[in-house]
Amino acid sequence: MPMPDPRIDAYIARQADFAQPILNELRARVHAACADVEEAIKWGAPAFLYRGKLIAGMAGFKQHAAFNLWLGKQVVEANAALGQGMGQYGRLTSPADLPAKRETTRHVHAAMALVEAGGAARAVSAPKPPPSLPDDLAAAMATNAASQRTWDGFPPGKRREYAEWITEAKRDETRARRVAQSVEWLAEGKSRNWKYAKC
């Protein structure tokens, strides 16, 4: 039986008080329905995989939580009442909003059957290789220790955002401006898309 992912424990602990019991219950239901489920973090939220393929995910928001079955239209009957919010279970504001446990079990089993039938569920892509550090950014960071520390502490995805932003510049002047801006933001500990982090 796969081990629980401690990142999911941390994710749930960061959520609003109303969301924590919902997310804990959903997690328990998925594990009860699928003994071989693997946990992961995808798109910044808890995800559940079966035989390496994504079958479900869940997330907490400011005023609701959501549960999303991958290829949900194939495993959950259409229900207009559930169409309010992300996922097949709609906006979840308390555990009472969840369907009966047997329904969740049936949905997880249907998602597993899709995987067993030949991989109808989408495969989780292999991780991208770490981005290469553009030479001009490396040179600029060599004179700014704070920016280099931030870069070194960033995960590959955040590094990739900066690297791609710089290498996609079409003109030398644009690239130079982007390098200078990157060093400034990195020195302040900011990710490339820091302006949108609280949206």
C-alpha atoms as a PDB file:
ATOM      1  CA  MET A   1       0.000   0.000   0.000  1.00  0.00           C
ATOM      2  CA  PRO A   2       1.529   3.360  -1.042  1.00  0.00           C
ATOM      3  CA  MET A   3       2.533   5.770   1.693  1.00  0.00           C
ATOM      4  CA  PRO A   4       0.560   9.003   2.235  1.00  0.00           C
ATOM      5  CA  ASP A   5       2.279  12.070   0.809  1.00  0.00           C
ATOM      6  CA  PRO A   6       3.212  14.476   3.650  1.00  0.00           C
ATOM      7  CA  ARG A   7       2.769  17.385   1.231  1.00  0.00           C
ATOM      8  CA  ILE A   8      -0.958  16.638   1.231  1.00  0.00           C
ATOM      9  CA  ASP A   9      -1.011  16.741   5.038  1.00  0.00           C
ATOM     10  CA  ALA A  10       0.666  20.157   4.844  1.00  0.00           C
ATOM     11  CA  TYR A  11      -1.729  21.338   2.113  1.00  0.00           C
ATOM     12  CA  ILE A  12      -4.795  20.388   4.162  1.00  0.00           C
ATOM     13  CA  ALA A  13      -3.375  21.998   7.298  1.00  0.00           C
ATOM     14  CA  ARG A  14      -3.023  25.323   5.408  1.00  0.00           C
ATOM     15  CA  GLN A  15      -6.673  25.390   4.337  1.00  0.00           C
ATOM     16  CA  ALA A  16      -9.538  27.213   6.033  1.00  0.00           C
ATOM     17  CA  ASP A  17     -11.123  25.505   9.047  1.00  0.00           C
ATOM     18  CA  PHE A  18     -14.285  24.618   7.116  1.00  0.00           C
ATOM     19  CA  ALA A  19     -12.284  22.976   4.289  1.00  0.00           C
ATOM     20  CA  GLN A  20     -10.044  20.707   6.359  1.00  0.00           C
ATOM     21  CA  PRO A  21     -12.692  18.114   7.324  1.00  0.00           C
ATOM     22  CA  ILE A  22     -13.993  18.050   3.739  1.00  0.00           C
ATOM     23  CA  LEU A  23     -10.543  17.402   2.287  1.00  0.00           C
ATOM     24  CA  ASN A  24      -9.687  14.830   4.958  1.00  0.00           C
ATOM     25  CA  GLU A  25     -12.943  12.992   4.258  1.00  0.00           C
ATOM     26  CA  LEU A  26     -12.369  13.005   0.489  1.00  0.00           C
ATOM     27  CA  ARG A  27      -8.839  11.702   0.974  1.00  0.00           C
ATOM     28  CA  ALA A  28     -10.090   8.914   3.257  1.00  0.00           C
ATOM     29  CA  ARG A  29     -12.800   7.960   0.762  1.00  0.00           C
ATOM     30  CA  VAL A  30     -10.359   7.699  -2.132  1.00  0.00           C
ATOM     31  CA  HIS A  31      -8.025   5.517  -0.060  1.00  0.00           C
ATOM     32  CA  ALA A  32     -10.924   3.324   1.075  1.00  0.00           C
ATOM     33  CA  ALA A  33     -12.046   2.843  -2.528  1.00  0.00           C
ATOM     34  CA  CYS A  34      -8.586   2.213  -3.959  1.00  0.00           C
ATOM     35  CA  ALA A  35      -5.973   0.514  -1.788  1.00  0.00           C
ATOM     36  CA  ASP A  36      -3.289   1.119  -4.453  1.00  0.00           C
ATOM     37  CA  VAL A  37      -3.910   4.849  -4.835  1.00  0.00           C
ATOM     38  CA  GLU A  38      -0.805   7.033  -4.967  1.00  0.00           C
ATOM     39  CA  GLU A  39      -0.810  10.605  -3.719  1.00  0.00           C
ATOM     40  CA  ALA A  40       0.864  13.537  -5.421  1.00  0.00           C
ATOM     41  CA  ILE A  41       0.687  17.290  -5.762  1.00  0.00           C
ATOM     42  CA  LYS A  42      -0.389  18.434  -9.230  1.00  0.00           C
ATOM     43  CA  TRP A  43      -1.043  22.048 -10.139  1.00  0.00           C
ATOM     44  CA  GLY A  44      -0.394  22.939  -6.512  1.00  0.00           C
ATOM     45  CA  ALA A  45      -3.178  20.761  -5.106  1.00  0.00           C
ATOM     46  CA  PRO A  46      -3.604  17.160  -3.881  1.00  0.00           C
ATOM     47  CA  ALA A  47      -4.007  14.573  -6.616  1.00  0.00           C
ATOM     48  CA  PHE A  48      -4.657  10.825  -6.650  1.00  0.00           C
ATOM     49  CA  LEU A  49      -3.090   8.423  -9.142  1.00  0.00           C
ATOM     50  CA  TYR A  50      -3.826   4.812  -9.985  1.00  0.00           C
ATOM     51  CA  ARG A  51      -1.192   2.850 -11.881  1.00  0.00           C
ATOM     52  CA  GLY A  52       0.590   6.116 -12.602  1.00  0.00           C
ATOM     53  CA  LYS A  53      -2.471   7.800 -14.107  1.00  0.00           C
ATOM     54  CA  LEU A  54      -4.402  10.665 -12.613  1.00  0.00           C
ATOM     55  CA  ILE A  55      -7.880   9.694 -11.444  1.00  0.00           C
ATOM     56  CA  ALA A  56      -8.891  12.553  -9.122  1.00  0.00           C
ATOM     57  CA  GLY A  57      -7.856  15.757  -7.412  1.00  0.00           C
ATOM     58  CA  MET A  58      -9.155  18.042  -4.706  1.00  0.00           C
ATOM     59  CA  ALA A  59      -8.595  21.637  -3.683  1.00  0.00           C
ATOM     60  CA  GLY A  60      -9.490  24.149  -1.021  1.00  0.00           C
ATOM     61  CA  PHE A  61     -10.536  27.699  -1.827  1.00  0.00           C
ATOM     62  CA  LYS A  62     -11.498  30.713   0.294  1.00  0.00           C
ATOM     63  CA  GLN A  63     -15.167  29.816   0.519  1.00  0.00           C
ATOM     64  CA  HIS A  64     -15.452  26.264  -0.753  1.00  0.00           C
ATOM     65  CA  ALA A  65     -13.600  23.044  -1.521  1.00  0.00           C
ATOM     66  CA  ALA A  66     -13.814  20.940  -4.669  1.00  0.00           C
ATOM     67  CA  PHE A  67     -13.317  17.349  -5.801  1.00  0.00           C
ATOM     68  CA  ASN A  68     -12.542  16.670  -9.431  1.00  0.00           C
ATOM     69  CA  LEU A  69     -12.610  13.247 -11.029  1.00  0.00           C
ATOM     70  CA  TRP A  70     -10.369  13.151 -14.071  1.00  0.00           C
ATOM     71  CA  LEU A  71     -12.591  12.432 -17.054  1.00  0.00           C
ATOM     72  CA  GLY A  72     -15.461  13.014 -14.665  1.00  0.00           C
ATOM     73  CA  LYS A  73     -18.130  13.063 -17.357  1.00  0.00           C
ATOM     74  CA  GLN A  74     -17.371   9.399 -17.948  1.00  0.00           C
ATOM     75  CA  VAL A  75     -17.670   8.395 -14.289  1.00  0.00           C
ATOM     76  CA  VAL A  76     -20.333  10.695 -12.786  1.00  0.00           C
ATOM     77  CA  GLU A  77     -23.884  10.990 -14.047  1.00  0.00           C
ATOM     78  CA  ALA A  78     -24.878  14.447 -15.218  1.00  0.00           C
ATOM     79  CA  ASN A  79     -26.406  16.376 -12.360  1.00  0.00           C
ATOM     80  CA  ALA A  80     -27.301  20.033 -12.873  1.00  0.00           C
ATOM     81  CA  ALA A  81     -27.374  20.621  -9.127  1.00  0.00           C
ATOM     82  CA  LEU A  82     -23.693  19.748  -8.906  1.00  0.00           C
ATOM     83  CA  GLY A  83     -22.645  22.107 -11.664  1.00  0.00           C
ATOM     84  CA  GLN A  84     -21.927  25.067  -9.394  1.00  0.00           C
ATOM     85  CA  GLY A  85     -18.196  25.235  -8.911  1.00  0.00           C
ATOM     86  CA  MET A  86     -15.179  23.248  -9.849  1.00  0.00           C
ATOM     87  CA  GLY A  87     -15.440  19.474  -9.920  1.00  0.00           C
ATOM     88  CA  GLN A  88     -18.250  16.983 -10.093  1.00  0.00           C
ATOM     89  CA  TYR A  89     -19.380  17.514  -6.485  1.00  0.00           C
ATOM     90  CA  GLY A  90     -19.945  21.258  -6.846  1.00  0.00           C
ATOM     91  CA  ARG A  91     -19.115  23.820  -4.166  1.00  0.00           C
ATOM     92  CA  LEU A  92     -18.354  21.975  -0.952  1.00  0.00           C
ATOM     93  CA  THR A  93     -18.707  24.104   2.168  1.00  0.00           C
ATOM     94  CA  SER A  94     -19.140  21.305   4.733  1.00  0.00           C
ATOM     95  CA  PRO A  95     -18.868  17.498   4.824  1.00  0.00           C
ATOM     96  CA  ALA A  96     -22.680  17.416   4.591  1.00  0.00           C
ATOM     97  CA  ASP A  97     -22.354  18.639   0.987  1.00  0.00           C
ATOM     98  CA  LEU A  98     -20.608  15.419  -0.015  1.00  0.00           C
ATOM     99  CA  PRO A  99     -22.582  12.631  -1.656  1.00  0.00           C
ATOM    100  CA  ALA A 100     -22.934   9.308   0.149  1.00  0.00           C
ATOM    101  CA  LYS A 101     -19.701   7.369   0.612  1.00  0.00           C
ATOM    102  CA  ARG A 102     -20.945   4.616  -1.674  1.00  0.00           C
ATOM    103  CA  GLU A 103     -21.289   7.194  -4.487  1.00  0.00           C
ATOM    104  CA  THR A 104     -17.684   8.319  -4.108  1.00  0.00           C
ATOM    105  CA  THR A 105     -16.580   4.675  -4.007  1.00  0.00           C
ATOM    106  CA  ARG A 106     -18.520   3.989  -7.203  1.00  0.00           C
ATOM    107  CA  HIS A 107     -16.951   7.034  -8.904  1.00  0.00           C
ATOM    108  CA  VAL A 108     -13.404   6.065  -7.899  1.00  0.00           C
ATOM    109  CA  HIS A 109     -14.000   2.477  -9.062  1.00  0.00           C
ATOM    110  CA  ALA A 110     -15.261   3.779 -12.416  1.00  0.00           C
ATOM    111  CA  ALA A 111     -12.140   5.930 -12.795  1.00  0.00           C
ATOM    112  CA  MET A 112      -9.964   2.913 -11.950  1.00  0.00           C
ATOM    113  CA  ALA A 113     -11.827   0.832 -14.541  1.00  0.00           C
ATOM    114  CA  LEU A 114     -11.021   3.426 -17.196  1.00  0.00           C
ATOM    115  CA  VAL A 115      -7.339   3.075 -16.361  1.00  0.00           C
ATOM    116  CA  GLU A 116      -7.552  -0.729 -16.403  1.00  0.00           C
ATOM    117  CA  ALA A 117      -9.401  -0.674 -19.735  1.00  0.00           C
ATOM    118  CA  GLY A 118      -6.383   0.664 -21.501  1.00  0.00           C
ATOM    119  CA  GLY A 119      -5.526   3.999 -20.050  1.00  0.00           C
ATOM    120  CA  ALA A 120      -8.506   6.116 -20.992  1.00  0.00           C
ATOM    121  CA  ALA A 121      -7.597   8.398 -18.118  1.00  0.00           C
ATOM    122  CA  ARG A 122      -4.820  10.817 -18.964  1.00  0.00           C
ATOM    123  CA  ALA A 123      -1.317   9.742 -18.078  1.00  0.00           C
ATOM    124  CA  VAL A 124       0.660  12.013 -15.804  1.00  0.00           C
ATOM    125  CA  SER A 125       3.488  13.408 -17.869  1.00  0.00           C
ATOM    126  CA  ALA A 126       7.068  12.784 -16.901  1.00  0.00           C
ATOM    127  CA  PRO A 127       8.681  15.685 -15.089  1.00  0.00           C
ATOM    128  CA  LYS A 128      10.361  18.222 -17.327  1.00  0.00           C
ATOM    129  CA  PRO A 129      14.136  18.442 -17.077  1.00  0.00           C
ATOM    130  CA  PRO A 130      15.440  21.352 -15.012  1.00  0.00           C
ATOM    131  CA  PRO A 131      15.670  24.556 -17.059  1.00  0.00           C
ATOM    132  CA  SER A 132      19.063  25.745 -18.187  1.00  0.00           C
ATOM    133  CA  LEU A 133      20.222  29.047 -16.739  1.00  0.00           C
ATOM    134  CA  PRO A 134      20.610  31.658 -19.517  1.00  0.00           C
ATOM    135  CA  ASP A 135      24.225  32.845 -19.653  1.00  0.00           C
ATOM    136  CA  ASP A 136      23.330  36.529 -19.435  1.00  0.00           C
ATOM    137  CA  LEU A 137      21.158  35.926 -16.368  1.00  0.00           C
ATOM    138  CA  ALA A 138      23.950  33.890 -14.756  1.00  0.00           C
ATOM    139  CA  ALA A 139      26.399  36.740 -15.372  1.00  0.00           C
ATOM    140  CA  ALA A 140      23.990  39.318 -13.938  1.00  0.00           C
ATOM    141  CA  MET A 141      23.296  37.192 -10.836  1.00  0.00           C
ATOM    142  CA  ALA A 142      27.035  36.712 -10.251  1.00  0.00           C
ATOM    143  CA  THR A 143      27.146  40.327  -9.024  1.00  0.00           C
ATOM    144  CA  ASN A 144      23.987  40.000  -6.912  1.00  0.00           C
ATOM    145  CA  ALA A 145      24.177  37.313  -4.229  1.00  0.00           C
ATOM    146  CA  ALA A 146      20.558  37.781  -3.113  1.00  0.00           C
ATOM    147  CA  SER A 147      19.214  37.016  -6.581  1.00  0.00           C
ATOM    148  CA  GLN A 148      21.459  33.940  -6.845  1.00  0.00           C
ATOM    149  CA  ARG A 149      20.212  32.632  -3.462  1.00  0.00           C
ATOM    150  CA  THR A 150      16.600  33.031  -4.561  1.00  0.00           C
ATOM    151  CA  TRP A 151      17.305  31.286  -7.865  1.00  0.00           C
ATOM    152  CA  ASP A 152      19.055  28.404  -6.096  1.00  0.00           C
ATOM    153  CA  GLY A 153      16.117  28.030  -3.692  1.00  0.00           C
ATOM    154  CA  PHE A 154      13.433  28.012  -6.383  1.00  0.00           C
ATOM    155  CA  PRO A 155      11.932  24.751  -7.677  1.00  0.00           C
ATOM    156  CA  PRO A 156      12.472  23.976 -11.383  1.00  0.00           C
ATOM    157  CA  GLY A 157       9.072  25.383 -12.409  1.00  0.00           C
ATOM    158  CA  LYS A 158       9.792  28.842 -11.013  1.00  0.00           C
ATOM    159  CA  ARG A 159      13.247  28.839 -12.590  1.00  0.00           C
ATOM    160  CA  ARG A 160      11.709  27.799 -15.911  1.00  0.00           C
ATOM    161  CA  GLU A 161       9.325  30.791 -15.811  1.00  0.00           C
ATOM    162  CA  TYR A 162      12.259  33.192 -15.627  1.00  0.00           C
ATOM    163  CA  ALA A 163      14.420  31.296 -18.136  1.00  0.00           C
ATOM    164  CA  GLU A 164      11.643  31.093 -20.732  1.00  0.00           C
ATOM    165  CA  TRP A 165      10.682  34.748 -20.265  1.00  0.00           C
ATOM    166  CA  ILE A 166      14.262  35.767 -21.000  1.00  0.00           C
ATOM    167  CA  THR A 167      14.954  33.369 -23.873  1.00  0.00           C
ATOM    168  CA  GLU A 168      11.644  34.188 -25.613  1.00  0.00           C
ATOM    169  CA  ALA A 169      12.660  37.842 -26.046  1.00  0.00           C
ATOM    170  CA  LYS A 170      13.007  38.633 -29.748  1.00  0.00           C
ATOM    171  CA  ARG A 171      15.185  41.749 -29.465  1.00  0.00           C
ATOM    172  CA  ASP A 172      18.474  42.166 -27.610  1.00  0.00           C
ATOM    173  CA  GLU A 173      17.146  45.279 -25.839  1.00  0.00           C
ATOM    174  CA  THR A 174      14.087  43.398 -24.607  1.00  0.00           C
ATOM    175  CA  ARG A 175      16.219  40.525 -23.387  1.00  0.00           C
ATOM    176  CA  ALA A 176      18.570  42.883 -21.527  1.00  0.00           C
ATOM    177  CA  ARG A 177      15.583  44.596 -19.843  1.00  0.00           C
ATOM    178  CA  ARG A 178      14.160  41.237 -18.828  1.00  0.00           C
ATOM    179  CA  VAL A 179      17.483  40.092 -17.375  1.00  0.00           C
ATOM    180  CA  ALA A 180      17.754  43.302 -15.322  1.00  0.00           C
ATOM    181  CA  GLN A 181      14.135  42.970 -14.139  1.00  0.00           C
ATOM    182  CA  SER A 182      14.685  39.303 -13.277  1.00  0.00           C
ATOM    183  CA  VAL A 183      17.721  40.074 -11.127  1.00  0.00           C
ATOM    184  CA  GLU A 184      15.759  42.803  -9.317  1.00  0.00           C
ATOM    185  CA  TRP A 185      12.769  40.554  -8.618  1.00  0.00           C
ATOM    186  CA  LEU A 186      14.952  37.598  -7.645  1.00  0.00           C
ATOM    187  CA  ALA A 187      16.884  39.778  -5.202  1.00  0.00           C
ATOM    188  CA  GLU A 188      13.517  40.616  -3.600  1.00  0.00           C
ATOM    189  CA  GLY A 189      12.653  36.890  -3.414  1.00  0.00           C
ATOM    190  CA  LYS A 190       9.886  37.170  -6.023  1.00  0.00           C
ATOM    191  CA  SER A 191       8.810  34.568  -8.537  1.00  0.00           C
ATOM    192  CA  ARG A 192       8.384  35.620 -12.158  1.00  0.00           C
ATOM    193  CA  ASN A 193       4.599  35.868 -11.822  1.00  0.00           C
ATOM    194  CA  TRP A 194       4.563  37.296  -8.299  1.00  0.00           C
ATOM    195  CA  LYS A 195       1.941  39.904  -9.243  1.00  0.00           C
ATOM    196  CA  TYR A 196      -0.629  37.155  -9.735  1.00  0.00           C
ATOM    197  CA  ALA A 197       0.228  35.040  -6.680  1.00  0.00           C
ATOM    198  CA  LYS A 198      -2.714  36.345  -4.625  1.00  0.00           C
ATOM    199  CA  CYS A 199      -5.316  36.329  -7.367  1.00  0.00           C
END
